[in-house]
Amino acid sequence: MIEYVKTILLKVSFDKKLFEKELRKGLNLLVPSELEEFRVWCYRTFSKVYEPVLNKYFIKLAG
């Protein structure tokens, strides 16, 4: 499932609202063991553009 979610995010990364929506949906699809790998990939891939969005969702998971 993680590869599917990554593919979707890459395809919608041109639009902030769509990216945020799909990130939220993707986080709900993943199992806990996939979340850390997914978090690292998201920051590596999208932090230059979407770091505030990533922080919003990954900080919630950590807290």
PDB file of N, CA and C in Angstrom:
ATOM      1  N   MET A   1       0.821  -1.200   0.000  1.00  0.00           N
ATOM      2  CA  MET A   1       0.000   0.000   0.000  1.00  0.00           C
ATOM      3  C   MET A   1       0.862   1.260   0.000  1.00  0.00           C
ATOM      4  N   ILE A   2       2.022   1.180   0.615  1.00  0.00           N
ATOM      5  CA  ILE A   2       2.873   2.371   0.704  1.00  0.00           C
ATOM      6  C   ILE A   2       3.284   2.868  -0.689  1.00  0.00           C
ATOM      7  N   GLU A   3       3.563   1.961  -1.597  1.00  0.00           N
ATOM      8  CA  GLU A   3       3.960   2.372  -2.948  1.00  0.00           C
ATOM      9  C   GLU A   3       2.803   3.048  -3.671  1.00  0.00           C
ATOM     10  N   TYR A   4       1.609   2.564  -3.448  1.00  0.00           N
ATOM     11  CA  TYR A   4       0.418   3.174  -4.038  1.00  0.00           C
ATOM     12  C   TYR A   4       0.265   4.617  -3.544  1.00  0.00           C
ATOM     13  N   VAL A   5       0.391   4.825  -2.244  1.00  0.00           N
ATOM     14  CA  VAL A   5       0.239   6.157  -1.665  1.00  0.00           C
ATOM     15  C   VAL A   5       1.333   7.092  -2.181  1.00  0.00           C
ATOM     16  N   LYS A   6       2.546   6.599  -2.298  1.00  0.00           N
ATOM     17  CA  LYS A   6       3.643   7.408  -2.840  1.00  0.00           C
ATOM     18  C   LYS A   6       3.333   7.839  -4.272  1.00  0.00           C
ATOM     19  N   THR A   7       2.838   6.922  -5.072  1.00  0.00           N
ATOM     20  CA  THR A   7       2.516   7.217  -6.472  1.00  0.00           C
ATOM     21  C   THR A   7       1.455   8.307  -6.557  1.00  0.00           C
ATOM     22  N   ILE A   8       0.429   8.192  -5.741  1.00  0.00           N
ATOM     23  CA  ILE A   8      -0.644   9.192  -5.741  1.00  0.00           C
ATOM     24  C   ILE A   8      -0.092  10.562  -5.357  1.00  0.00           C
ATOM     25  N   LEU A   9       0.720  10.626  -4.322  1.00  0.00           N
ATOM     26  CA  LEU A   9       1.269  11.915  -3.895  1.00  0.00           C
ATOM     27  C   LEU A   9       2.144  12.541  -4.971  1.00  0.00           C
ATOM     28  N   LEU A  10       2.928  11.732  -5.645  1.00  0.00           N
ATOM     29  CA  LEU A  10       3.751  12.271  -6.732  1.00  0.00           C
ATOM     30  C   LEU A  10       2.879  12.857  -7.841  1.00  0.00           C
ATOM     31  N   LYS A  11       1.753  12.219  -8.110  1.00  0.00           N
ATOM     32  CA  LYS A  11       0.871  12.675  -9.189  1.00  0.00           C
ATOM     33  C   LYS A  11       0.095  13.939  -8.832  1.00  0.00           C
ATOM     34  N   VAL A  12      -0.160  14.166  -7.559  1.00  0.00           N
ATOM     35  CA  VAL A  12      -0.956  15.337  -7.167  1.00  0.00           C
ATOM     36  C   VAL A  12      -0.109  16.446  -6.540  1.00  0.00           C
ATOM     37  N   SER A  13       1.182  16.315  -6.571  1.00  0.00           N
ATOM     38  CA  SER A  13       2.055  17.268  -5.874  1.00  0.00           C
ATOM     39  C   SER A  13       2.046  18.666  -6.495  1.00  0.00           C
ATOM     40  N   PHE A  14       1.403  18.838  -7.624  1.00  0.00           N
ATOM     41  CA  PHE A  14       1.320  20.150  -8.261  1.00  0.00           C
ATOM     42  C   PHE A  14       0.302  21.065  -7.572  1.00  0.00           C
ATOM     43  N   ASP A  15      -0.579  20.496  -6.742  1.00  0.00           N
ATOM     44  CA  ASP A  15      -1.655  21.258  -6.131  1.00  0.00           C
ATOM     45  C   ASP A  15      -1.669  21.043  -4.618  1.00  0.00           C
ATOM     46  N   LYS A  16      -1.517  22.127  -3.854  1.00  0.00           N
ATOM     47  CA  LYS A  16      -1.396  22.007  -2.399  1.00  0.00           C
ATOM     48  C   LYS A  16      -2.630  21.375  -1.756  1.00  0.00           C
ATOM     49  N   LYS A  17      -3.813  21.821  -2.132  1.00  0.00           N
ATOM     50  CA  LYS A  17      -5.036  21.280  -1.513  1.00  0.00           C
ATOM     51  C   LYS A  17      -5.206  19.798  -1.824  1.00  0.00           C
ATOM     52  N   LEU A  18      -4.948  19.427  -3.059  1.00  0.00           N
ATOM     53  CA  LEU A  18      -5.059  18.029  -3.449  1.00  0.00           C
ATOM     54  C   LEU A  18      -3.986  17.190  -2.753  1.00  0.00           C
ATOM     55  N   PHE A  19      -2.787  17.730  -2.663  1.00  0.00           N
ATOM     56  CA  PHE A  19      -1.695  17.035  -1.974  1.00  0.00           C
ATOM     57  C   PHE A  19      -2.071  16.768  -0.519  1.00  0.00           C
ATOM     58  N   GLU A  20      -2.583  17.787   0.140  1.00  0.00           N
ATOM     59  CA  GLU A  20      -2.946  17.628   1.553  1.00  0.00           C
ATOM     60  C   GLU A  20      -4.068  16.598   1.719  1.00  0.00           C
ATOM     61  N   LYS A  21      -5.052  16.655   0.849  1.00  0.00           N
ATOM     62  CA  LYS A  21      -6.155  15.698   0.907  1.00  0.00           C
ATOM     63  C   LYS A  21      -5.657  14.264   0.739  1.00  0.00           C
ATOM     64  N   GLU A  22      -4.795  14.050  -0.255  1.00  0.00           N
ATOM     65  CA  GLU A  22      -4.290  12.702  -0.521  1.00  0.00           C
ATOM     66  C   GLU A  22      -3.316  12.230   0.556  1.00  0.00           C
ATOM     67  N   LEU A  23      -2.566  13.150   1.134  1.00  0.00           N
ATOM     68  CA  LEU A  23      -1.682  12.792   2.246  1.00  0.00           C
ATOM     69  C   LEU A  23      -2.523  12.289   3.420  1.00  0.00           C
ATOM     70  N   ARG A  24      -3.568  13.007   3.730  1.00  0.00           N
ATOM     71  CA  ARG A  24      -4.460  12.614   4.825  1.00  0.00           C
ATOM     72  C   ARG A  24      -5.068  11.235   4.561  1.00  0.00           C
ATOM     73  N   LYS A  25      -5.554  11.023   3.355  1.00  0.00           N
ATOM     74  CA  LYS A  25      -6.128   9.726   3.002  1.00  0.00           C
ATOM     75  C   LYS A  25      -5.069   8.626   3.068  1.00  0.00           C
ATOM     76  N   GLY A  26      -3.883   8.922   2.562  1.00  0.00           N
ATOM     77  CA  GLY A  26      -2.803   7.938   2.554  1.00  0.00           C
ATOM     78  C   GLY A  26      -2.391   7.513   3.944  1.00  0.00           C
ATOM     79  N   LEU A  27      -2.343   8.461   4.856  1.00  0.00           N
ATOM     80  CA  LEU A  27      -1.978   8.129   6.232  1.00  0.00           C
ATOM     81  C   LEU A  27      -2.988   7.169   6.857  1.00  0.00           C
ATOM     82  N   ASN A  28      -4.225   7.283   6.457  1.00  0.00           N
ATOM     83  CA  ASN A  28      -5.253   6.378   6.979  1.00  0.00           C
ATOM     84  C   ASN A  28      -5.166   4.983   6.372  1.00  0.00           C
ATOM     85  N   LEU A  29      -4.555   4.873   5.205  1.00  0.00           N
ATOM     86  CA  LEU A  29      -4.438   3.576   4.542  1.00  0.00           C
ATOM     87  C   LEU A  29      -3.258   2.745   5.038  1.00  0.00           C
ATOM     88  N   LEU A  30      -2.254   3.418   5.559  1.00  0.00           N
ATOM     89  CA  LEU A  30      -1.022   2.720   5.931  1.00  0.00           C
ATOM     90  C   LEU A  30      -1.128   2.071   7.307  1.00  0.00           C
ATOM     91  N   VAL A  31      -0.416   0.979   7.454  1.00  0.00           N
ATOM     92  CA  VAL A  31      -0.334   0.326   8.755  1.00  0.00           C
ATOM     93  C   VAL A  31       0.785   0.989   9.560  1.00  0.00           C
ATOM     94  N   PRO A  32       0.718   0.915  10.865  1.00  0.00           N
ATOM     95  CA  PRO A  32       1.717   1.596  11.708  1.00  0.00           C
ATOM     96  C   PRO A  32       3.169   1.284  11.342  1.00  0.00           C
ATOM     97  N   SER A  33       3.453   0.071  10.916  1.00  0.00           N
ATOM     98  CA  SER A  33       4.835  -0.286  10.593  1.00  0.00           C
ATOM     99  C   SER A  33       5.349   0.430   9.342  1.00  0.00           C
ATOM    100  N   GLU A  34       4.465   0.974   8.522  1.00  0.00           N
ATOM    101  CA  GLU A  34       4.872   1.679   7.307  1.00  0.00           C
ATOM    102  C   GLU A  34       5.041   3.183   7.521  1.00  0.00           C
ATOM    103  N   LEU A  35       4.537   3.701   8.616  1.00  0.00           N
ATOM    104  CA  LEU A  35       4.472   5.145   8.792  1.00  0.00           C
ATOM    105  C   LEU A  35       5.832   5.820   8.863  1.00  0.00           C
ATOM    106  N   GLU A  36       6.796   5.244   9.541  1.00  0.00           N
ATOM    107  CA  GLU A  36       8.108   5.888   9.645  1.00  0.00           C
ATOM    108  C   GLU A  36       8.794   5.953   8.286  1.00  0.00           C
ATOM    109  N   GLU A  37       8.757   4.856   7.539  1.00  0.00           N
ATOM    110  CA  GLU A  37       9.339   4.859   6.192  1.00  0.00           C
ATOM    111  C   GLU A  37       8.643   5.903   5.321  1.00  0.00           C
ATOM    112  N   PHE A  38       7.334   5.988   5.424  1.00  0.00           N
ATOM    113  CA  PHE A  38       6.560   6.942   4.646  1.00  0.00           C
ATOM    114  C   PHE A  38       6.906   8.377   5.043  1.00  0.00           C
ATOM    115  N   ARG A  39       7.032   8.626   6.338  1.00  0.00           N
ATOM    116  CA  ARG A  39       7.389   9.966   6.823  1.00  0.00           C
ATOM    117  C   ARG A  39       8.733  10.406   6.265  1.00  0.00           C
ATOM    118  N   VAL A  40       9.718   9.532   6.336  1.00  0.00           N
ATOM    119  CA  VAL A  40      11.052   9.853   5.830  1.00  0.00           C
ATOM    120  C   VAL A  40      10.992  10.153   4.331  1.00  0.00           C
ATOM    121  N   TRP A  41      10.283   9.331   3.592  1.00  0.00           N
ATOM    122  CA  TRP A  41      10.151   9.534   2.144  1.00  0.00           C
ATOM    123  C   TRP A  41       9.465  10.864   1.846  1.00  0.00           C
ATOM    124  N   CYS A  42       8.394  11.171   2.562  1.00  0.00           N
ATOM    125  CA  CYS A  42       7.665  12.425   2.325  1.00  0.00           C
ATOM    126  C   CYS A  42       8.555  13.642   2.547  1.00  0.00           C
ATOM    127  N   TYR A  43       9.282  13.652   3.648  1.00  0.00           N
ATOM    128  CA  TYR A  43      10.159  14.798   3.916  1.00  0.00           C
ATOM    129  C   TYR A  43      11.281  14.880   2.887  1.00  0.00           C
ATOM    130  N   ARG A  44      11.831  13.754   2.508  1.00  0.00           N
ATOM    131  CA  ARG A  44      12.901  13.751   1.511  1.00  0.00           C
ATOM    132  C   ARG A  44      12.387  14.244   0.155  1.00  0.00           C
ATOM    133  N   THR A  45      11.170  13.891  -0.185  1.00  0.00           N
ATOM    134  CA  THR A  45      10.629  14.184  -1.504  1.00  0.00           C
ATOM    135  C   THR A  45       9.938  15.542  -1.590  1.00  0.00           C
ATOM    136  N   PHE A  46       9.254  15.962  -0.539  1.00  0.00           N
ATOM    137  CA  PHE A  46       8.383  17.129  -0.640  1.00  0.00           C
ATOM    138  C   PHE A  46       8.681  18.268   0.330  1.00  0.00           C
ATOM    139  N   SER A  47       9.685  18.169   1.164  1.00  0.00           N
ATOM    140  CA  SER A  47       9.870  19.182   2.209  1.00  0.00           C
ATOM    141  C   SER A  47      10.163  20.573   1.656  1.00  0.00           C
ATOM    142  N   LYS A  48      10.765  20.663   0.484  1.00  0.00           N
ATOM    143  CA  LYS A  48      11.063  21.994  -0.071  1.00  0.00           C
ATOM    144  C   LYS A  48       9.791  22.764  -0.381  1.00  0.00           C
ATOM    145  N   VAL A  49       8.739  22.072  -0.741  1.00  0.00           N
ATOM    146  CA  VAL A  49       7.495  22.723  -1.145  1.00  0.00           C
ATOM    147  C   VAL A  49       6.426  22.636  -0.058  1.00  0.00           C
ATOM    148  N   TYR A  50       6.317  21.484   0.594  1.00  0.00           N
ATOM    149  CA  TYR A  50       5.188  21.220   1.476  1.00  0.00           C
ATOM    150  C   TYR A  50       5.568  20.929   2.918  1.00  0.00           C
ATOM    151  N   GLU A  51       6.674  21.443   3.391  1.00  0.00           N
ATOM    152  CA  GLU A  51       7.085  21.148   4.763  1.00  0.00           C
ATOM    153  C   GLU A  51       6.027  21.536   5.802  1.00  0.00           C
ATOM    154  N   PRO A  52       5.367  22.690   5.682  1.00  0.00           N
ATOM    155  CA  PRO A  52       4.321  23.006   6.672  1.00  0.00           C
ATOM    156  C   PRO A  52       3.174  21.995   6.671  1.00  0.00           C
ATOM    157  N   VAL A  53       2.796  21.509   5.506  1.00  0.00           N
ATOM    158  CA  VAL A  53       1.734  20.506   5.419  1.00  0.00           C
ATOM    159  C   VAL A  53       2.203  19.198   6.055  1.00  0.00           C
ATOM    160  N   LEU A  54       3.411  18.784   5.748  1.00  0.00           N
ATOM    161  CA  LEU A  54       3.949  17.557   6.326  1.00  0.00           C
ATOM    162  C   LEU A  54       4.019  17.662   7.845  1.00  0.00           C
ATOM    163  N   ASN A  55       4.502  18.800   8.331  1.00  0.00           N
ATOM    164  CA  ASN A  55       4.592  19.003   9.778  1.00  0.00           C
ATOM    165  C   ASN A  55       3.219  18.892  10.430  1.00  0.00           C
ATOM    166  N   LYS A  56       2.230  19.461   9.787  1.00  0.00           N
ATOM    167  CA  LYS A  56       0.863  19.445  10.331  1.00  0.00           C
ATOM    168  C   LYS A  56       0.387  18.018  10.597  1.00  0.00           C
ATOM    169  N   TYR A  57       0.651  17.105   9.674  1.00  0.00           N
ATOM    170  CA  TYR A  57       0.136  15.752   9.817  1.00  0.00           C
ATOM    171  C   TYR A  57       1.080  14.801  10.562  1.00  0.00           C
ATOM    172  N   PHE A  58       2.372  14.949  10.358  1.00  0.00           N
ATOM    173  CA  PHE A  58       3.295  14.030  11.028  1.00  0.00           C
ATOM    174  C   PHE A  58       3.521  14.393  12.493  1.00  0.00           C
ATOM    175  N   ILE A  59       3.390  15.653  12.849  1.00  0.00           N
ATOM    176  CA  ILE A  59       3.512  16.029  14.247  1.00  0.00           C
ATOM    177  C   ILE A  59       2.307  15.499  15.029  1.00  0.00           C
ATOM    178  N   LYS A  60       1.122  15.493  14.379  1.00  0.00           N
ATOM    179  CA  LYS A  60      -0.057  14.916  15.019  1.00  0.00           C
ATOM    180  C   LYS A  60       0.155  13.439  15.323  1.00  0.00           C
ATOM    181  N   LEU A  61       0.787  12.736  14.384  1.00  0.00           N
ATOM    182  CA  LEU A  61       1.027  11.298  14.587  1.00  0.00           C
ATOM    183  C   LEU A  61       2.009  11.045  15.720  1.00  0.00           C
ATOM    184  N   ALA A  62       3.015  11.898  15.806  1.00  0.00           N
ATOM    185  CA  ALA A  62       4.039  11.707  16.832  1.00  0.00           C
ATOM    186  C   ALA A  62       3.498  12.044  18.228  1.00  0.00           C
ATOM    187  N   GLY A  63       2.558  12.980  18.284  1.00  0.00           N
ATOM    188  CA  GLY A  63       2.049  13.432  19.581  1.00  0.00           C
ATOM    189  C   GLY A  63       0.987  12.522  20.048  1.00  0.00           C
TER     190      GLY A  63
END
